[in-house]
PDB file of N, CA and C in Angstrom:
ATOM      1  N   UNK A   1    -158.632 -76.287 -53.512  1.00  0.00           N
ATOM      2  CA  UNK A   1    -157.451 -76.480 -54.314  1.00  0.00           C
ATOM      3  C   UNK A   1    -156.658 -77.655 -53.750  1.00  0.00           C
ATOM      4  N   UNK A   2    -156.085 -78.417 -54.629  1.00  0.00           N
ATOM      5  CA  UNK A   2    -155.355 -79.609 -54.209  1.00  0.00           C
ATOM      6  C   UNK A   2    -154.103 -79.235 -53.409  1.00  0.00           C
ATOM      7  N   UNK A   3    -153.857 -80.025 -52.413  1.00  0.00           N
ATOM      8  CA  UNK A   3    -152.681 -79.807 -51.562  1.00  0.00           C
ATOM      9  C   UNK A   3    -151.402 -79.826 -52.393  1.00  0.00           C
ATOM     10  N   UNK A   4    -151.327 -80.764 -53.323  1.00  0.00           N
ATOM     11  CA  UNK A   4    -150.143 -80.886 -54.187  1.00  0.00           C
ATOM     12  C   UNK A   4    -149.869 -79.580 -54.928  1.00  0.00           C
ATOM     13  N   UNK A   5    -150.899 -78.971 -55.480  1.00  0.00           N
ATOM     14  CA  UNK A   5    -150.741 -77.728 -56.232  1.00  0.00           C
ATOM     15  C   UNK A   5    -150.209 -76.621 -55.338  1.00  0.00           C
ATOM     16  N   UNK A   6    -150.730 -76.523 -54.140  1.00  0.00           N
ATOM     17  CA  UNK A   6    -150.248 -75.504 -53.201  1.00  0.00           C
ATOM     18  C   UNK A   6    -148.802 -75.762 -52.776  1.00  0.00           C
ATOM     19  N   UNK A   7    -148.439 -77.036 -52.632  1.00  0.00           N
ATOM     20  CA  UNK A   7    -147.050 -77.360 -52.293  1.00  0.00           C
ATOM     21  C   UNK A   7    -146.105 -76.977 -53.430  1.00  0.00           C
ATOM     22  N   UNK A   8    -146.523 -77.222 -54.669  1.00  0.00           N
ATOM     23  CA  UNK A   8    -145.710 -76.826 -55.821  1.00  0.00           C
ATOM     24  C   UNK A   8    -145.491 -75.317 -55.792  1.00  0.00           C
ATOM     25  N   UNK A   9    -146.555 -74.568 -55.599  1.00  0.00           N
ATOM     26  CA  UNK A   9    -146.456 -73.112 -55.546  1.00  0.00           C
ATOM     27  C   UNK A   9    -145.544 -72.665 -54.405  1.00  0.00           C
ATOM     28  N   UNK A  10    -145.704 -73.251 -53.231  1.00  0.00           N
ATOM     29  CA  UNK A  10    -144.890 -72.885 -52.071  1.00  0.00           C
ATOM     30  C   UNK A  10    -143.411 -73.154 -52.319  1.00  0.00           C
ATOM     31  N   UNK A  11    -143.107 -74.265 -52.970  1.00  0.00           N
ATOM     32  CA  UNK A  11    -141.707 -74.592 -53.246  1.00  0.00           C
ATOM     33  C   UNK A  11    -141.104 -73.633 -54.269  1.00  0.00           C
ATOM     34  N   UNK A  12    -141.881 -73.304 -55.282  1.00  0.00           N
ATOM     35  CA  UNK A  12    -141.373 -72.424 -56.336  1.00  0.00           C
ATOM     36  C   UNK A  12    -141.072 -71.026 -55.798  1.00  0.00           C
ATOM     37  N   UNK A  13    -141.972 -70.461 -55.012  1.00  0.00           N
ATOM     38  CA  UNK A  13    -141.766 -69.080 -54.556  1.00  0.00           C
ATOM     39  C   UNK A  13    -140.608 -68.947 -53.562  1.00  0.00           C
ATOM     40  N   UNK A  14    -140.088 -70.045 -53.074  1.00  0.00           N
ATOM     41  CA  UNK A  14    -138.921 -70.005 -52.184  1.00  0.00           C
ATOM     42  C   UNK A  14    -137.618 -70.268 -52.918  1.00  0.00           C
ATOM     43  N   UNK A  15    -137.718 -70.639 -54.191  1.00  0.00           N
ATOM     44  CA  UNK A  15    -136.533 -70.975 -54.978  1.00  0.00           C
ATOM     45  C   UNK A  15    -135.742 -69.714 -55.333  1.00  0.00           C
ATOM     46  N   UNK A  16    -134.428 -69.789 -55.278  1.00  0.00           N
ATOM     47  CA  UNK A  16    -133.566 -68.639 -55.566  1.00  0.00           C
ATOM     48  C   UNK A  16    -133.781 -68.113 -56.989  1.00  0.00           C
ATOM     49  N   UNK A  17    -133.965 -68.998 -57.957  1.00  0.00           N
ATOM     50  CA  UNK A  17    -134.189 -68.548 -59.331  1.00  0.00           C
ATOM     51  C   UNK A  17    -135.482 -67.734 -59.440  1.00  0.00           C
ATOM     52  N   UNK A  18    -136.503 -68.142 -58.712  1.00  0.00           N
ATOM     53  CA  UNK A  18    -137.762 -67.398 -58.691  1.00  0.00           C
ATOM     54  C   UNK A  18    -137.539 -65.995 -58.131  1.00  0.00           C
ATOM     55  N   UNK A  19    -136.776 -65.901 -57.064  1.00  0.00           N
ATOM     56  CA  UNK A  19    -136.531 -64.618 -56.410  1.00  0.00           C
ATOM     57  C   UNK A  19    -135.796 -63.635 -57.317  1.00  0.00           C
ATOM     58  N   UNK A  20    -135.093 -64.139 -58.315  1.00  0.00           N
ATOM     59  CA  UNK A  20    -134.345 -63.287 -59.240  1.00  0.00           C
ATOM     60  C   UNK A  20    -135.190 -62.780 -60.407  1.00  0.00           C
ATOM     61  N   UNK A  21    -136.417 -63.272 -60.560  1.00  0.00           N
ATOM     62  CA  UNK A  21    -137.289 -62.863 -61.662  1.00  0.00           C
ATOM     63  C   UNK A  21    -137.926 -61.512 -61.382  1.00  0.00           C
ATOM     64  N   UNK A  22    -138.352 -60.821 -62.449  1.00  0.00           N
ATOM     65  CA  UNK A  22    -139.105 -59.587 -62.227  1.00  0.00           C
ATOM     66  C   UNK A  22    -140.550 -59.950 -61.884  1.00  0.00           C
ATOM     67  N   UNK A  23    -141.329 -58.966 -61.479  1.00  0.00           N
ATOM     68  CA  UNK A  23    -142.679 -59.226 -60.973  1.00  0.00           C
ATOM     69  C   UNK A  23    -143.576 -59.890 -62.019  1.00  0.00           C
ATOM     70  N   UNK A  24    -143.475 -59.459 -63.263  1.00  0.00           N
ATOM     71  CA  UNK A  24    -144.305 -60.057 -64.316  1.00  0.00           C
ATOM     72  C   UNK A  24    -143.978 -61.536 -64.493  1.00  0.00           C
ATOM     73  N   UNK A  25    -142.702 -61.863 -64.513  1.00  0.00           N
ATOM     74  CA  UNK A  25    -142.288 -63.260 -64.646  1.00  0.00           C
ATOM     75  C   UNK A  25    -142.733 -64.081 -63.439  1.00  0.00           C
ATOM     76  N   UNK A  26    -142.648 -63.491 -62.246  1.00  0.00           N
ATOM     77  CA  UNK A  26    -143.108 -64.190 -61.037  1.00  0.00           C
ATOM     78  C   UNK A  26    -144.596 -64.489 -61.129  1.00  0.00           C
ATOM     79  N   UNK A  27    -145.386 -63.520 -61.582  1.00  0.00           N
ATOM     80  CA  UNK A  27    -146.827 -63.728 -61.705  1.00  0.00           C
ATOM     81  C   UNK A  27    -147.150 -64.838 -62.697  1.00  0.00           C
ATOM     82  N   UNK A  28    -146.475 -64.842 -63.834  1.00  0.00           N
ATOM     83  CA  UNK A  28    -146.708 -65.892 -64.833  1.00  0.00           C
ATOM     84  C   UNK A  28    -146.342 -67.250 -64.253  1.00  0.00           C
ATOM     85  N   UNK A  29    -145.217 -67.329 -63.552  1.00  0.00           N
ATOM     86  CA  UNK A  29    -144.793 -68.600 -62.976  1.00  0.00           C
ATOM     87  C   UNK A  29    -145.759 -69.082 -61.893  1.00  0.00           C
ATOM     88  N   UNK A  30    -146.281 -68.166 -61.092  1.00  0.00           N
ATOM     89  CA  UNK A  30    -147.254 -68.565 -60.065  1.00  0.00           C
ATOM     90  C   UNK A  30    -148.516 -69.138 -60.709  1.00  0.00           C
ATOM     91  N   UNK A  31    -149.011 -68.481 -61.764  1.00  0.00           N
ATOM     92  CA  UNK A  31    -150.183 -69.019 -62.465  1.00  0.00           C
ATOM     93  C   UNK A  31    -149.871 -70.378 -63.089  1.00  0.00           C
ATOM     94  N   UNK A  32    -148.675 -70.524 -63.643  1.00  0.00           N
ATOM     95  CA  UNK A  32    -148.288 -71.811 -64.220  1.00  0.00           C
ATOM     96  C   UNK A  32    -148.282 -72.904 -63.150  1.00  0.00           C
ATOM     97  N   UNK A  33    -147.823 -72.579 -61.953  1.00  0.00           N
ATOM     98  CA  UNK A  33    -147.850 -73.550 -60.842  1.00  0.00           C
ATOM     99  C   UNK A  33    -149.279 -73.952 -60.511  1.00  0.00           C
ATOM    100  N   UNK A  34    -150.152 -72.965 -60.420  1.00  0.00           N
ATOM    101  CA  UNK A  34    -151.541 -73.255 -60.058  1.00  0.00           C
ATOM    102  C   UNK A  34    -152.255 -74.089 -61.117  1.00  0.00           C
ATOM    103  N   UNK A  35    -151.827 -73.957 -62.371  1.00  0.00           N
ATOM    104  CA  UNK A  35    -152.516 -74.647 -63.464  1.00  0.00           C
ATOM    105  C   UNK A  35    -151.723 -75.828 -64.032  1.00  0.00           C
ATOM    106  N   UNK A  36    -150.625 -76.205 -63.378  1.00  0.00           N
ATOM    107  CA  UNK A  36    -149.733 -77.202 -63.976  1.00  0.00           C
ATOM    108  C   UNK A  36    -150.364 -78.588 -64.155  1.00  0.00           C
ATOM    109  N   UNK A  37    -151.418 -78.893 -63.450  1.00  0.00           N
ATOM    110  CA  UNK A  37    -152.063 -80.209 -63.581  1.00  0.00           C
ATOM    111  C   UNK A  37    -153.346 -80.163 -64.412  1.00  0.00           C
ATOM    112  N   UNK A  38    -153.546 -79.090 -65.151  1.00  0.00           N
ATOM    113  CA  UNK A  38    -154.799 -78.914 -65.881  1.00  0.00           C
ATOM    114  C   UNK A  38    -155.057 -80.035 -66.894  1.00  0.00           C
ATOM    115  N   UNK A  39    -154.008 -80.658 -67.404  1.00  0.00           N
ATOM    116  CA  UNK A  39    -154.167 -81.732 -68.388  1.00  0.00           C
ATOM    117  C   UNK A  39    -153.848 -83.106 -67.794  1.00  0.00           C
ATOM    118  N   UNK A  40    -153.879 -83.223 -66.485  1.00  0.00           N
ATOM    119  CA  UNK A  40    -153.513 -84.482 -65.825  1.00  0.00           C
ATOM    120  C   UNK A  40    -154.429 -85.627 -66.240  1.00  0.00           C
ATOM    121  N   UNK A  41    -153.854 -86.787 -66.302  1.00  0.00           N
ATOM    122  CA  UNK A  41    -154.506 -88.032 -66.687  1.00  0.00           C
ATOM    123  C   UNK A  41    -154.937 -88.039 -68.138  1.00  0.00           C
ATOM    124  N   UNK A  42    -154.165 -87.353 -68.955  1.00  0.00           N
ATOM    125  CA  UNK A  42    -154.356 -87.479 -70.392  1.00  0.00           C
ATOM    126  C   UNK A  42    -153.504 -88.643 -70.869  1.00  0.00           C
ATOM    127  N   UNK A  43    -153.640 -89.020 -72.097  1.00  0.00           N
ATOM    128  CA  UNK A  43    -152.821 -90.127 -72.572  1.00  0.00           C
ATOM    129  C   UNK A  43    -151.597 -89.561 -73.272  1.00  0.00           C
ATOM    130  N   UNK A  44    -150.504 -90.240 -73.325  1.00  0.00           N
ATOM    131  CA  UNK A  44    -150.346 -91.627 -72.909  1.00  0.00           C
ATOM    132  C   UNK A  44    -150.031 -91.738 -71.421  1.00  0.00           C
ATOM    133  N   UNK A  45    -150.329 -92.879 -70.879  1.00  0.00           N
ATOM    134  CA  UNK A  45    -149.948 -93.180 -69.503  1.00  0.00           C
ATOM    135  C   UNK A  45    -148.902 -94.282 -69.544  1.00  0.00           C
ATOM    136  N   UNK A  46    -147.986 -94.231 -68.601  1.00  0.00           N
ATOM    137  CA  UNK A  46    -146.943 -95.245 -68.488  1.00  0.00           C
ATOM    138  C   UNK A  46    -147.067 -95.836 -67.101  1.00  0.00           C
ATOM    139  N   UNK A  47    -147.354 -97.123 -67.042  1.00  0.00           N
ATOM    140  CA  UNK A  47    -147.567 -97.813 -65.769  1.00  0.00           C
ATOM    141  C   UNK A  47    -148.611 -97.098 -64.930  1.00  0.00           C
ATOM    142  N   UNK A  48    -149.674 -96.627 -65.589  1.00  0.00           N
ATOM    143  CA  UNK A  48    -150.779 -95.990 -64.894  1.00  0.00           C
ATOM    144  C   UNK A  48    -150.552 -94.548 -64.493  1.00  0.00           C
ATOM    145  N   UNK A  49    -149.412 -93.993 -64.857  1.00  0.00           N
ATOM    146  CA  UNK A  49    -149.113 -92.600 -64.513  1.00  0.00           C
ATOM    147  C   UNK A  49    -148.987 -91.770 -65.782  1.00  0.00           C
ATOM    148  N   UNK A  50    -149.434 -90.535 -65.687  1.00  0.00           N
ATOM    149  CA  UNK A  50    -149.381 -89.607 -66.805  1.00  0.00           C
ATOM    150  C   UNK A  50    -148.150 -88.725 -66.660  1.00  0.00           C
ATOM    151  N   UNK A  51    -147.115 -89.055 -67.427  1.00  0.00           N
ATOM    152  CA  UNK A  51    -145.869 -88.299 -67.344  1.00  0.00           C
ATOM    153  C   UNK A  51    -145.794 -87.178 -68.373  1.00  0.00           C
ATOM    154  N   UNK A  52    -146.799 -87.066 -69.221  1.00  0.00           N
ATOM    155  CA  UNK A  52    -146.798 -86.086 -70.294  1.00  0.00           C
ATOM    156  C   UNK A  52    -147.599 -84.838 -69.914  1.00  0.00           C
ATOM    157  N   UNK A  53    -148.427 -84.928 -68.876  1.00  0.00           N
ATOM    158  CA  UNK A  53    -149.337 -83.834 -68.553  1.00  0.00           C
ATOM    159  C   UNK A  53    -148.670 -82.481 -68.276  1.00  0.00           C
ATOM    160  N   UNK A  54    -147.467 -82.437 -67.704  1.00  0.00           N
ATOM    161  CA  UNK A  54    -146.888 -81.106 -67.481  1.00  0.00           C
ATOM    162  C   UNK A  54    -146.650 -80.351 -68.797  1.00  0.00           C
ATOM    163  N   UNK A  55    -146.276 -81.083 -69.830  1.00  0.00           N
ATOM    164  CA  UNK A  55    -146.019 -80.457 -71.118  1.00  0.00           C
ATOM    165  C   UNK A  55    -147.332 -80.023 -71.779  1.00  0.00           C
ATOM    166  N   UNK A  56    -148.334 -80.899 -71.719  1.00  0.00           N
ATOM    167  CA  UNK A  56    -149.648 -80.547 -72.262  1.00  0.00           C
ATOM    168  C   UNK A  56    -150.255 -79.396 -71.469  1.00  0.00           C
ATOM    169  N   UNK A  57    -150.084 -79.416 -70.160  1.00  0.00           N
ATOM    170  CA  UNK A  57    -150.591 -78.329 -69.320  1.00  0.00           C
ATOM    171  C   UNK A  57    -149.914 -77.013 -69.692  1.00  0.00           C
ATOM    172  N   UNK A  58    -148.609 -77.060 -69.949  1.00  0.00           N
ATOM    173  CA  UNK A  58    -147.878 -75.856 -70.329  1.00  0.00           C
ATOM    174  C   UNK A  58    -148.422 -75.236 -71.600  1.00  0.00           C
ATOM    175  N   UNK A  59    -148.746 -76.071 -72.570  1.00  0.00           N
ATOM    176  CA  UNK A  59    -149.318 -75.572 -73.818  1.00  0.00           C
ATOM    177  C   UNK A  59    -150.667 -74.914 -73.556  1.00  0.00           C
ATOM    178  N   UNK A  60    -151.492 -75.550 -72.742  1.00  0.00           N
ATOM    179  CA  UNK A  60    -152.812 -75.002 -72.417  1.00  0.00           C
ATOM    180  C   UNK A  60    -152.665 -73.670 -71.682  1.00  0.00           C
ATOM    181  N   UNK A  61    -151.748 -73.606 -70.710  1.00  0.00           N
ATOM    182  CA  UNK A  61    -151.558 -72.390 -69.919  1.00  0.00           C
ATOM    183  C   UNK A  61    -151.050 -71.251 -70.809  1.00  0.00           C
ATOM    184  N   UNK A  62    -150.095 -71.534 -71.687  1.00  0.00           N
ATOM    185  CA  UNK A  62    -149.588 -70.485 -72.570  1.00  0.00           C
ATOM    186  C   UNK A  62    -150.684 -69.964 -73.492  1.00  0.00           C
ATOM    187  N   UNK A  63    -151.510 -70.862 -74.014  1.00  0.00           N
ATOM    188  CA  UNK A  63    -152.630 -70.446 -74.855  1.00  0.00           C
ATOM    189  C   UNK A  63    -153.594 -69.571 -74.056  1.00  0.00           C
ATOM    190  N   UNK A  64    -153.878 -69.985 -72.838  1.00  0.00           N
ATOM    191  CA  UNK A  64    -154.770 -69.217 -71.968  1.00  0.00           C
ATOM    192  C   UNK A  64    -154.193 -67.834 -71.669  1.00  0.00           C
ATOM    193  N   UNK A  65    -152.902 -67.764 -71.345  1.00  0.00           N
ATOM    194  CA  UNK A  65    -152.249 -66.484 -71.067  1.00  0.00           C
ATOM    195  C   UNK A  65    -152.325 -65.564 -72.284  1.00  0.00           C
ATOM    196  N   UNK A  66    -152.124 -66.144 -73.461  1.00  0.00           N
ATOM    197  CA  UNK A  66    -152.182 -65.340 -74.684  1.00  0.00           C
ATOM    198  C   UNK A  66    -153.601 -64.795 -74.888  1.00  0.00           C
ATOM    199  N   UNK A  67    -154.598 -65.652 -74.712  1.00  0.00           N
ATOM    200  CA  UNK A  67    -155.990 -65.215 -74.865  1.00  0.00           C
ATOM    201  C   UNK A  67    -156.376 -64.133 -73.870  1.00  0.00           C
ATOM    202  N   UNK A  68    -155.833 -64.216 -72.662  1.00  0.00           N
ATOM    203  CA  UNK A  68    -156.141 -63.243 -71.615  1.00  0.00           C
ATOM    204  C   UNK A  68    -155.322 -61.957 -71.758  1.00  0.00           C
ATOM    205  N   UNK A  69    -154.376 -61.960 -72.691  1.00  0.00           N
ATOM    206  CA  UNK A  69    -153.546 -60.783 -72.894  1.00  0.00           C
ATOM    207  C   UNK A  69    -152.390 -60.668 -71.914  1.00  0.00           C
ATOM    208  N   UNK A  70    -152.092 -61.748 -71.198  1.00  0.00           N
ATOM    209  CA  UNK A  70    -150.974 -61.716 -70.247  1.00  0.00           C
ATOM    210  C   UNK A  70    -149.632 -61.788 -70.961  1.00  0.00           C
ATOM    211  N   UNK A  71    -149.621 -62.428 -72.120  1.00  0.00           N
ATOM    212  CA  UNK A  71    -148.447 -62.439 -72.983  1.00  0.00           C
ATOM    213  C   UNK A  71    -148.931 -62.111 -74.390  1.00  0.00           C
ATOM    214  N   UNK A  72    -148.060 -61.503 -75.182  1.00  0.00           N
ATOM    215  CA  UNK A  72    -148.474 -61.094 -76.516  1.00  0.00           C
ATOM    216  C   UNK A  72    -148.567 -62.262 -77.471  1.00  0.00           C
ATOM    217  N   UNK A  73    -147.652 -63.192 -77.361  1.00  0.00           N
ATOM    218  CA  UNK A  73    -147.700 -64.391 -78.191  1.00  0.00           C
ATOM    219  C   UNK A  73    -146.892 -65.488 -77.522  1.00  0.00           C
ATOM    220  N   UNK A  74    -147.062 -66.686 -78.019  1.00  0.00           N
ATOM    221  CA  UNK A  74    -146.414 -67.846 -77.398  1.00  0.00           C
ATOM    222  C   UNK A  74    -144.896 -67.687 -77.381  1.00  0.00           C
ATOM    223  N   UNK A  75    -144.307 -67.127 -78.426  1.00  0.00           N
ATOM    224  CA  UNK A  75    -142.847 -67.004 -78.467  1.00  0.00           C
ATOM    225  C   UNK A  75    -142.328 -66.071 -77.375  1.00  0.00           C
ATOM    226  N   UNK A  76    -143.171 -65.158 -76.868  1.00  0.00           N
ATOM    227  CA  UNK A  76    -142.758 -64.272 -75.780  1.00  0.00           C
ATOM    228  C   UNK A  76    -142.437 -65.063 -74.521  1.00  0.00           C
ATOM    229  N   UNK A  77    -143.128 -66.199 -74.327  1.00  0.00           N
ATOM    230  CA  UNK A  77    -142.914 -67.003 -73.125  1.00  0.00           C
ATOM    231  C   UNK A  77    -141.485 -67.546 -73.070  1.00  0.00           C
ATOM    232  N   UNK A  78    -140.830 -67.686 -74.206  1.00  0.00           N
ATOM    233  CA  UNK A  78    -139.460 -68.198 -74.209  1.00  0.00           C
ATOM    234  C   UNK A  78    -138.487 -67.217 -73.569  1.00  0.00           C
ATOM    235  N   UNK A  79    -138.920 -65.972 -73.341  1.00  0.00           N
ATOM    236  CA  UNK A  79    -138.067 -64.972 -72.707  1.00  0.00           C
ATOM    237  C   UNK A  79    -137.977 -65.164 -71.195  1.00  0.00           C
ATOM    238  N   UNK A  80    -138.846 -65.969 -70.633  1.00  0.00           N
ATOM    239  CA  UNK A  80    -138.855 -66.179 -69.188  1.00  0.00           C
ATOM    240  C   UNK A  80    -137.596 -66.951 -68.796  1.00  0.00           C
ATOM    241  N   UNK A  81    -136.834 -66.416 -67.861  1.00  0.00           N
ATOM    242  CA  UNK A  81    -135.573 -67.018 -67.440  1.00  0.00           C
ATOM    243  C   UNK A  81    -135.815 -68.004 -66.312  1.00  0.00           C
ATOM    244  N   UNK A  82    -136.022 -69.261 -66.650  1.00  0.00           N
ATOM    245  CA  UNK A  82    -136.299 -70.258 -65.618  1.00  0.00           C
ATOM    246  C   UNK A  82    -135.054 -71.029 -65.202  1.00  0.00           C
ATOM    247  N   UNK A  83    -133.985 -70.913 -65.969  1.00  0.00           N
ATOM    248  CA  UNK A  83    -132.769 -71.646 -65.594  1.00  0.00           C
ATOM    249  C   UNK A  83    -131.560 -70.757 -65.633  1.00  0.00           C
TER     250      UNK A  83
END
């Protein structure tokens, strides 16, 4: 696993907002951290960097969670209190 991905996960699980989530929300967020680069280096790129991949990755992860039965539907993900 990429060092960057593990650092993202490590930073998130120490965040105060993360600590306030229930266990199900924490699990979803941890999986999202692990999969956040799944769409990296897709287009468009700006100055050789892919700034859109986190959003594309989020769509892929939500679809995957729905298929796996982790969430009932995509709109359920909007209930996660991230801010």
